[in-house]
């Protein structure tokens, strides 16, 4: 159906834009799936994941906290510091 094709092309475009920002392919695909293919939410997640990763937090903990906190940076940072 044409609708599925348009959704797929939209997904590919979103993934391409995120990859061009320097994120890894596996992380982009995972983020897009986690946020029901919302490019905006996936981009927020990937940005915060990279920030917290640079601060030295463990990636699996960052993912868990960001999901629980709905990508809210300050709340997620508090949770990570308390762990």
Protein backbone atom coordinates (compact mmCIF):
# COMPACT_ATOMS: atom_id res chain seq x y z
CA UNK A 1 0.00 0.00 0.00
CA UNK A 2 1.20 3.54 -0.75
CA UNK A 3 0.77 4.58 2.88
CA UNK A 4 3.32 2.02 4.06
CA UNK A 5 5.74 3.12 1.37
CA UNK A 6 5.46 6.74 2.47
CA UNK A 7 5.99 5.74 6.12
CA UNK A 8 9.05 3.73 5.14
CA UNK A 9 10.51 6.58 3.07
CA UNK A 10 9.87 8.97 5.96
CA UNK A 11 11.65 6.56 8.32
CA UNK A 12 14.64 6.30 5.96
CA UNK A 13 14.83 10.08 5.66
CA UNK A 14 14.75 10.49 9.43
CA UNK A 15 17.45 7.85 9.90
CA UNK A 16 19.59 9.49 7.23
CA UNK A 17 19.33 12.91 8.92
CA UNK A 18 20.28 11.41 12.30
CA UNK A 19 23.21 9.49 10.80
CA UNK A 20 24.49 12.71 9.22
CA UNK A 21 24.57 14.22 12.73
CA UNK A 22 27.19 11.60 13.61
CA UNK A 23 25.15 9.02 15.49
CA UNK A 24 25.84 5.31 14.99
CA UNK A 25 23.47 3.34 12.78
CA UNK A 26 22.52 0.81 15.46
CA UNK A 27 21.74 3.57 17.96
CA UNK A 28 19.65 5.47 15.40
CA UNK A 29 17.59 2.39 14.55
CA UNK A 30 17.10 1.53 18.23
CA UNK A 31 16.08 5.09 19.13
CA UNK A 32 13.62 5.30 16.24
CA UNK A 33 11.99 2.03 17.36
CA UNK A 34 11.87 3.05 21.02
CA UNK A 35 10.04 6.27 20.19
CA UNK A 36 7.61 4.86 17.61
CA UNK A 37 9.58 6.42 14.76
CA UNK A 38 9.40 9.97 16.10
CA UNK A 39 12.48 11.66 14.69
CA UNK A 40 12.24 14.49 17.22
CA UNK A 41 12.14 12.19 20.27
CA UNK A 42 14.82 9.91 18.83
CA UNK A 43 17.07 12.93 18.21
CA UNK A 44 16.56 14.18 21.78
CA UNK A 45 17.36 10.73 23.12
CA UNK A 46 20.52 10.36 21.01
CA UNK A 47 21.73 13.83 21.95
CA UNK A 48 21.29 13.17 25.67
CA UNK A 49 22.76 9.69 25.36
CA UNK A 50 25.91 11.18 23.83
CA UNK A 51 26.09 13.95 26.46
CA UNK A 52 25.76 11.58 29.41
CA UNK A 53 28.12 9.09 27.78
CA UNK A 54 30.73 11.87 27.52
CA UNK A 55 30.23 12.50 31.26
CA UNK A 56 31.30 8.90 31.92
CA UNK A 57 27.96 7.24 32.66
CA UNK A 58 27.31 3.70 31.43
CA UNK A 59 25.27 3.49 28.23
CA UNK A 60 22.80 0.87 29.49
CA UNK A 61 22.08 2.97 32.60
CA UNK A 62 21.66 6.11 30.49
CA UNK A 63 19.13 4.41 28.18
CA UNK A 64 17.11 3.11 31.12
CA UNK A 65 17.02 6.47 32.90
CA UNK A 66 16.18 8.45 29.75
CA UNK A 67 13.25 6.14 29.04
CA UNK A 68 11.98 6.39 32.61
CA UNK A 69 12.37 10.18 32.64
CA UNK A 70 10.94 10.76 29.17
CA UNK A 71 14.13 12.41 27.89
CA UNK A 72 13.99 15.09 30.59
CA UNK A 73 17.65 16.08 30.92
CA UNK A 74 17.71 17.42 34.49
CA UNK A 75 15.61 14.60 35.92
CA UNK A 76 17.71 11.98 34.09
CA UNK A 77 20.94 13.55 35.30
CA UNK A 78 19.70 13.45 38.91
CA UNK A 79 18.83 9.77 38.55
CA UNK A 80 22.22 8.93 37.01
CA UNK A 81 24.12 10.77 39.75
CA UNK A 82 22.13 8.97 42.45
CA UNK A 83 22.95 5.51 41.03
